[in-house]
C-alpha atoms as a PDB file:
ATOM      1  CA  MET A   1    -117.776  60.258 -79.903  1.00  0.00           C
ATOM      2  CA  ASN A   2    -114.552  58.364 -79.450  1.00  0.00           C
ATOM      3  CA  PHE A   3    -113.763  54.725 -78.608  1.00  0.00           C
ATOM      4  CA  LEU A   4    -115.038  54.545 -75.040  1.00  0.00           C
ATOM      5  CA  ALA A   5    -118.423  56.073 -75.793  1.00  0.00           C
ATOM      6  CA  HIS A   6    -118.992  53.828 -78.797  1.00  0.00           C
ATOM      7  CA  ILE A   7    -118.194  50.745 -76.735  1.00  0.00           C
ATOM      8  CA  TYR A   8    -120.366  51.841 -73.818  1.00  0.00           C
ATOM      9  CA  LEU A   9    -123.321  52.751 -76.038  1.00  0.00           C
ATOM     10  CA  SER A  10    -123.361  49.198 -77.425  1.00  0.00           C
ATOM     11  CA  GLY A  11    -124.616  47.830 -74.117  1.00  0.00           C
ATOM     12  CA  ASP A  12    -123.731  44.265 -73.153  1.00  0.00           C
ATOM     13  CA  ASP A  13    -123.757  42.872 -76.692  1.00  0.00           C
ATOM     14  CA  THR A  14    -120.243  41.646 -77.522  1.00  0.00           C
ATOM     15  CA  GLU A  15    -120.608  41.627 -81.309  1.00  0.00           C
ATOM     16  CA  LEU A  16    -122.329  45.001 -81.344  1.00  0.00           C
ATOM     17  CA  LYS A  17    -119.405  46.366 -79.284  1.00  0.00           C
ATOM     18  CA  ILE A  18    -116.855  44.936 -81.700  1.00  0.00           C
ATOM     19  CA  GLY A  19    -118.647  46.395 -84.709  1.00  0.00           C
ATOM     20  CA  ASN A  20    -119.081  49.766 -83.059  1.00  0.00           C
ATOM     21  CA  PHE A  21    -115.399  49.785 -82.093  1.00  0.00           C
ATOM     22  CA  ILE A  22    -113.943  48.770 -85.481  1.00  0.00           C
ATOM     23  CA  ALA A  23    -116.296  50.859 -87.653  1.00  0.00           C
ATOM     24  CA  ASP A  24    -113.852  53.672 -88.471  1.00  0.00           C
ATOM     25  CA  SER A  25    -111.499  51.068 -89.936  1.00  0.00           C
ATOM     26  CA  VAL A  26    -114.169  49.567 -92.190  1.00  0.00           C
ATOM     27  CA  LYS A  27    -114.814  51.679 -95.266  1.00  0.00           C
ATOM     28  CA  GLY A  28    -117.896  51.701 -97.464  1.00  0.00           C
ATOM     29  CA  LYS A  29    -119.574  48.360 -98.046  1.00  0.00           C
ATOM     30  CA  LYS A  30    -116.667  46.323 -96.681  1.00  0.00           C
ATOM     31  CA  PHE A  31    -118.755  45.935 -93.531  1.00  0.00           C
ATOM     32  CA  GLU A  32    -120.757  43.269 -95.401  1.00  0.00           C
ATOM     33  CA  GLN A  33    -117.883  40.784 -94.970  1.00  0.00           C
ATOM     34  CA  PHE A  34    -118.487  40.663 -91.201  1.00  0.00           C
ATOM     35  CA  PRO A  35    -121.034  38.583 -89.246  1.00  0.00           C
ATOM     36  CA  LYS A  36    -124.508  40.148 -89.126  1.00  0.00           C
ATOM     37  CA  ARG A  37    -124.380  41.505 -85.564  1.00  0.00           C
ATOM     38  CA  ILE A  38    -120.955  43.086 -86.143  1.00  0.00           C
ATOM     39  CA  GLN A  39    -122.381  44.685 -89.307  1.00  0.00           C
ATOM     40  CA  GLN A  40    -125.135  46.130 -87.144  1.00  0.00           C
ATOM     41  CA  GLY A  41    -122.511  47.494 -84.753  1.00  0.00           C
ATOM     42  CA  ILE A  42    -120.723  49.197 -87.642  1.00  0.00           C
ATOM     43  CA  THR A  43    -124.007  50.691 -88.823  1.00  0.00           C
ATOM     44  CA  LEU A  44    -124.817  51.818 -85.277  1.00  0.00           C
ATOM     45  CA  HIS A  45    -121.430  53.545 -85.090  1.00  0.00           C
ATOM     46  CA  ARG A  46    -122.181  55.451 -88.274  1.00  0.00           C
ATOM     47  CA  GLN A  47    -125.591  56.487 -86.934  1.00  0.00           C
ATOM     48  CA  ILE A  48    -124.008  57.689 -83.680  1.00  0.00           C
ATOM     49  CA  ASP A  49    -121.397  59.675 -85.616  1.00  0.00           C
ATOM     50  CA  PHE A  50    -124.028  61.355 -87.791  1.00  0.00           C
ATOM     51  CA  TYR A  51    -126.196  62.189 -84.782  1.00  0.00           C
ATOM     52  CA  THR A  52    -123.169  63.562 -82.925  1.00  0.00           C
ATOM     53  CA  ASP A  53    -121.756  65.588 -85.808  1.00  0.00           C
ATOM     54  CA  THR A  54    -125.083  67.298 -86.477  1.00  0.00           C
ATOM     55  CA  HIS A  55    -126.113  67.941 -82.877  1.00  0.00           C
ATOM     56  CA  PRO A  56    -126.271  71.639 -81.851  1.00  0.00           C
ATOM     57  CA  ILE A  57    -124.619  71.052 -78.461  1.00  0.00           C
ATOM     58  CA  VAL A  58    -121.668  69.293 -80.073  1.00  0.00           C
ATOM     59  CA  ARG A  59    -121.440  72.087 -82.637  1.00  0.00           C
ATOM     60  CA  GLN A  60    -121.214  74.528 -79.734  1.00  0.00           C
ATOM     61  CA  SER A  61    -118.246  72.603 -78.290  1.00  0.00           C
ATOM     62  CA  VAL A  62    -116.628  72.384 -81.721  1.00  0.00           C
ATOM     63  CA  GLY A  63    -117.187  76.097 -82.286  1.00  0.00           C
ATOM     64  CA  ARG A  64    -115.144  76.914 -79.188  1.00  0.00           C
ATOM     65  CA  LEU A  65    -112.153  75.134 -80.731  1.00  0.00           C
ATOM     66  CA  PHE A  66    -112.665  75.830 -84.426  1.00  0.00           C
ATOM     67  CA  PRO A  67    -110.791  79.162 -84.693  1.00  0.00           C
ATOM     68  CA  LYS A  68    -107.603  77.459 -83.514  1.00  0.00           C
ATOM     69  CA  TYR A  69    -107.958  73.852 -84.724  1.00  0.00           C
ATOM     70  CA  SER A  70    -110.180  74.124 -87.809  1.00  0.00           C
ATOM     71  CA  HIS A  71    -111.525  70.776 -89.065  1.00  0.00           C
ATOM     72  CA  TYR A  72    -109.610  68.906 -86.346  1.00  0.00           C
ATOM     73  CA  SER A  73    -111.977  70.438 -83.789  1.00  0.00           C
ATOM     74  CA  THR A  74    -114.542  67.656 -84.218  1.00  0.00           C
ATOM     75  CA  VAL A  75    -111.914  64.987 -83.512  1.00  0.00           C
ATOM     76  CA  ILE A  76    -110.739  66.889 -80.444  1.00  0.00           C
ATOM     77  CA  VAL A  77    -114.292  67.199 -79.096  1.00  0.00           C
ATOM     78  CA  ASP A  78    -114.807  63.449 -79.589  1.00  0.00           C
ATOM     79  CA  ILE A  79    -111.743  62.821 -77.439  1.00  0.00           C
ATOM     80  CA  LEU A  80    -112.703  65.420 -74.824  1.00  0.00           C
ATOM     81  CA  TYR A  81    -116.176  63.939 -74.518  1.00  0.00           C
ATOM     82  CA  ASP A  82    -114.645  60.514 -73.872  1.00  0.00           C
ATOM     83  CA  HIS A  83    -112.713  62.164 -71.045  1.00  0.00           C
ATOM     84  CA  TYR A  84    -115.937  63.277 -69.380  1.00  0.00           C
ATOM     85  CA  LEU A  85    -117.458  59.834 -69.810  1.00  0.00           C
ATOM     86  CA  ALA A  86    -114.411  58.183 -68.237  1.00  0.00           C
ATOM     87  CA  ALA A  87    -114.036  60.795 -65.475  1.00  0.00           C
ATOM     88  CA  ASN A  88    -117.718  60.386 -64.523  1.00  0.00           C
ATOM     89  CA  TRP A  89    -117.926  56.677 -65.271  1.00  0.00           C
ATOM     90  CA  HIS A  90    -119.589  55.848 -61.932  1.00  0.00           C
ATOM     91  CA  LYS A  91    -122.625  57.895 -63.027  1.00  0.00           C
ATOM     92  CA  TYR A  92    -123.185  55.679 -66.064  1.00  0.00           C
ATOM     93  CA  GLU A  93    -121.954  52.191 -65.220  1.00  0.00           C
ATOM     94  CA  VAL A  94    -121.780  50.014 -62.086  1.00  0.00           C
ATOM     95  CA  ILE A  95    -118.737  48.081 -63.317  1.00  0.00           C
ATOM     96  CA  PRO A  96    -115.618  50.123 -62.430  1.00  0.00           C
ATOM     97  CA  LEU A  97    -113.832  51.543 -65.462  1.00  0.00           C
ATOM     98  CA  PRO A  98    -110.578  49.531 -65.060  1.00  0.00           C
ATOM     99  CA  ILE A  99    -112.542  46.261 -64.941  1.00  0.00           C
ATOM    100  CA  TYR A 100    -114.815  47.298 -67.811  1.00  0.00           C
ATOM    101  CA  VAL A 101    -111.943  48.187 -70.149  1.00  0.00           C
ATOM    102  CA  ALA A 102    -109.902  45.101 -69.192  1.00  0.00           C
ATOM    103  CA  SER A 103    -112.922  42.988 -70.122  1.00  0.00           C
ATOM    104  CA  PHE A 104    -113.223  44.800 -73.452  1.00  0.00           C
ATOM    105  CA  TYR A 105    -109.537  44.246 -74.234  1.00  0.00           C
ATOM    106  CA  GLU A 106    -110.149  40.519 -73.619  1.00  0.00           C
ATOM    107  CA  ILE A 107    -113.079  40.600 -76.053  1.00  0.00           C
ATOM    108  CA  LEU A 108    -110.810  42.088 -78.718  1.00  0.00           C
ATOM    109  CA  GLN A 109    -108.084  39.519 -78.096  1.00  0.00           C
ATOM    110  CA  ASP A 110    -110.617  36.675 -78.172  1.00  0.00           C
ATOM    111  CA  ASN A 111    -111.924  37.962 -81.526  1.00  0.00           C
ATOM    112  CA  TYR A 112    -108.580  39.025 -82.962  1.00  0.00           C
ATOM    113  CA  GLY A 113    -109.162  37.244 -86.266  1.00  0.00           C
ATOM    114  CA  LEU A 114    -112.187  39.438 -87.004  1.00  0.00           C
ATOM    115  CA  LEU A 115    -110.350  42.722 -86.504  1.00  0.00           C
ATOM    116  CA  PRO A 116    -109.273  44.910 -89.437  1.00  0.00           C
ATOM    117  CA  ARG A 117    -105.529  45.341 -90.012  1.00  0.00           C
ATOM    118  CA  ARG A 118    -105.516  48.914 -88.644  1.00  0.00           C
ATOM    119  CA  ILE A 119    -107.030  47.753 -85.340  1.00  0.00           C
ATOM    120  CA  LYS A 120    -104.591  44.842 -85.112  1.00  0.00           C
ATOM    121  CA  ASP A 121    -101.719  47.277 -85.618  1.00  0.00           C
ATOM    122  CA  PHE A 122    -102.629  49.598 -82.748  1.00  0.00           C
ATOM    123  CA  LEU A 123    -104.238  47.093 -80.374  1.00  0.00           C
ATOM    124  CA  PRO A 124    -100.982  46.131 -78.567  1.00  0.00           C
ATOM    125  CA  HIS A 125    -100.274  49.830 -77.911  1.00  0.00           C
ATOM    126  CA  MET A 126    -103.844  50.449 -76.819  1.00  0.00           C
ATOM    127  CA  ILE A 127    -103.693  47.634 -74.280  1.00  0.00           C
ATOM    128  CA  ARG A 128    -100.146  48.373 -73.093  1.00  0.00           C
ATOM    129  CA  ASP A 129    -100.881  52.062 -72.490  1.00  0.00           C
ATOM    130  CA  ASN A 130    -104.476  51.350 -71.400  1.00  0.00           C
ATOM    131  CA  TRP A 131    -105.911  54.084 -73.607  1.00  0.00           C
ATOM    132  CA  LEU A 132    -109.515  53.629 -72.548  1.00  0.00           C
ATOM    133  CA  ALA A 133    -108.854  53.999 -68.816  1.00  0.00           C
ATOM    134  CA  SER A 134    -106.372  56.827 -69.424  1.00  0.00           C
ATOM    135  CA  TYR A 135    -109.194  58.994 -70.783  1.00  0.00           C
ATOM    136  CA  ALA A 136    -110.270  59.612 -67.171  1.00  0.00           C
ATOM    137  CA  THR A 137    -107.396  62.036 -66.477  1.00  0.00           C
ATOM    138  CA  ILE A 138    -106.339  65.252 -68.154  1.00  0.00           C
ATOM    139  CA  GLU A 139    -102.817  63.824 -68.371  1.00  0.00           C
ATOM    140  CA  GLY A 140    -104.170  60.769 -70.195  1.00  0.00           C
ATOM    141  CA  ILE A 141    -106.127  62.940 -72.630  1.00  0.00           C
ATOM    142  CA  GLY A 142    -102.967  64.975 -73.160  1.00  0.00           C
ATOM    143  CA  LYS A 143    -101.106  61.833 -74.226  1.00  0.00           C
ATOM    144  CA  ILE A 144    -103.890  60.826 -76.604  1.00  0.00           C
ATOM    145  CA  LEU A 145    -103.962  64.302 -78.169  1.00  0.00           C
ATOM    146  CA  TYR A 146    -100.163  64.230 -78.459  1.00  0.00           C
ATOM    147  CA  GLN A 147    -100.352  60.895 -80.313  1.00  0.00           C
ATOM    148  CA  MET A 148    -103.093  62.223 -82.594  1.00  0.00           C
ATOM    149  CA  ASN A 149    -101.030  65.317 -83.358  1.00  0.00           C
ATOM    150  CA  HIS A 150     -98.068  63.087 -84.198  1.00  0.00           C
ATOM    151  CA  ARG A 151    -100.260  61.105 -86.620  1.00  0.00           C
ATOM    152  CA  THR A 152    -101.087  64.365 -88.425  1.00  0.00           C
ATOM    153  CA  LYS A 153     -97.352  65.121 -88.682  1.00  0.00           C
ATOM    154  CA  ASN A 154     -97.855  68.023 -86.237  1.00  0.00           C
ATOM    155  CA  ARG A 155    -100.225  69.853 -88.595  1.00  0.00           C
ATOM    156  CA  SER A 156    -103.210  69.696 -86.266  1.00  0.00           C
ATOM    157  CA  LYS A 157    -101.540  71.015 -83.090  1.00  0.00           C
ATOM    158  CA  MET A 158    -104.105  68.866 -81.255  1.00  0.00           C
ATOM    159  CA  ASN A 159    -101.628  68.366 -78.433  1.00  0.00           C
ATOM    160  CA  LEU A 160    -102.255  71.990 -77.406  1.00  0.00           C
ATOM    161  CA  ALA A 161    -105.991  71.424 -76.917  1.00  0.00           C
ATOM    162  CA  VAL A 162    -105.417  70.348 -73.313  1.00  0.00           C
ATOM    163  CA  ARG A 163    -105.178  74.084 -72.592  1.00  0.00           C
ATOM    164  CA  GLU A 164    -108.719  74.622 -73.879  1.00  0.00           C
ATOM    165  CA  LEU A 165    -109.900  71.603 -71.904  1.00  0.00           C
ATOM    166  CA  GLU A 166    -108.496  73.100 -68.709  1.00  0.00           C
ATOM    167  CA  GLU A 167    -109.643  76.642 -69.503  1.00  0.00           C
ATOM    168  CA  HIS A 168    -113.213  75.659 -70.461  1.00  0.00           C
ATOM    169  CA  TYR A 169    -113.528  72.511 -68.371  1.00  0.00           C
ATOM    170  CA  ASP A 170    -116.946  73.265 -66.903  1.00  0.00           C
ATOM    171  CA  GLU A 171    -118.463  74.439 -70.198  1.00  0.00           C
ATOM    172  CA  PHE A 172    -117.329  71.307 -72.034  1.00  0.00           C
ATOM    173  CA  GLU A 173    -118.545  69.132 -69.173  1.00  0.00           C
ATOM    174  CA  ASP A 174    -121.995  70.736 -69.128  1.00  0.00           C
ATOM    175  CA  GLU A 175    -122.282  70.310 -72.896  1.00  0.00           C
ATOM    176  CA  PHE A 176    -121.160  66.691 -72.716  1.00  0.00           C
ATOM    177  CA  THR A 177    -123.555  65.830 -69.885  1.00  0.00           C
ATOM    178  CA  THR A 178    -126.599  67.263 -71.630  1.00  0.00           C
ATOM    179  CA  PHE A 179    -125.660  65.855 -75.021  1.00  0.00           C
ATOM    180  CA  PHE A 180    -124.765  62.390 -73.729  1.00  0.00           C
ATOM    181  CA  GLU A 181    -128.163  61.889 -72.142  1.00  0.00           C
ATOM    182  CA  GLU A 182    -129.763  62.659 -75.489  1.00  0.00           C
ATOM    183  CA  LEU A 183    -127.303  60.400 -77.293  1.00  0.00           C
ATOM    184  CA  ARG A 184    -128.020  57.519 -74.918  1.00  0.00           C
ATOM    185  CA  GLY A 185    -131.727  57.817 -75.662  1.00  0.00           C
ATOM    186  CA  PHE A 186    -131.072  57.981 -79.397  1.00  0.00           C
ATOM    187  CA  THR A 187    -128.786  54.935 -79.305  1.00  0.00           C
ATOM    188  CA  GLN A 188    -131.151  52.826 -77.205  1.00  0.00           C
ATOM    189  CA  ASN A 189    -133.891  53.606 -79.689  1.00  0.00           C
ATOM    190  CA  GLU A 190    -131.679  52.613 -82.642  1.00  0.00           C
ATOM    191  CA  ILE A 191    -130.636  49.347 -80.964  1.00  0.00           C
ATOM    192  CA  SER A 192    -134.288  48.484 -80.314  1.00  0.00           C
ATOM    193  CA  LYS A 193    -134.903  48.589 -84.075  1.00  0.00           C
ATOM    194  CA  ILE A 194    -132.239  45.978 -84.958  1.00  0.00           C
END
């Protein structure tokens, strides 16, 4: 799952959200330098990633892309799944997406000192271009995939994956919907243990 899903799956817990959001920028045991609840958010992120990467429905989505995008397929599916979450936000959350993401950007700014360097570097761009809300449109996903392709020095060709999104829109959406319900149950269970 990508940024929006990780944030959403953290519930209303601010520190858990921060940890879940920053986790990819915190390698190995460096998470131990953060406050306890943020550590738990980082751990939760890793559990979500493992669950996602090994889930048969996600593997089905990845398999559709793998012949063309190879190991980048998992990253693309993470981004596509965030699109379906954002596009169907009203089914999962009562707070409208623009208000929800604006509130999360405020949380990050209020806790700026805790953020890893990598997050601090892209945060102004994320807020300016409103990445999280932009996931709701195919155009927005196209921009995100274009940026990701640029970061791979055009090796991934991820920018072209919008074609597969459009061509297989319903299949990806069905897979996301079924998988996300299972992931929500898994995550709620993991949070109840911490």
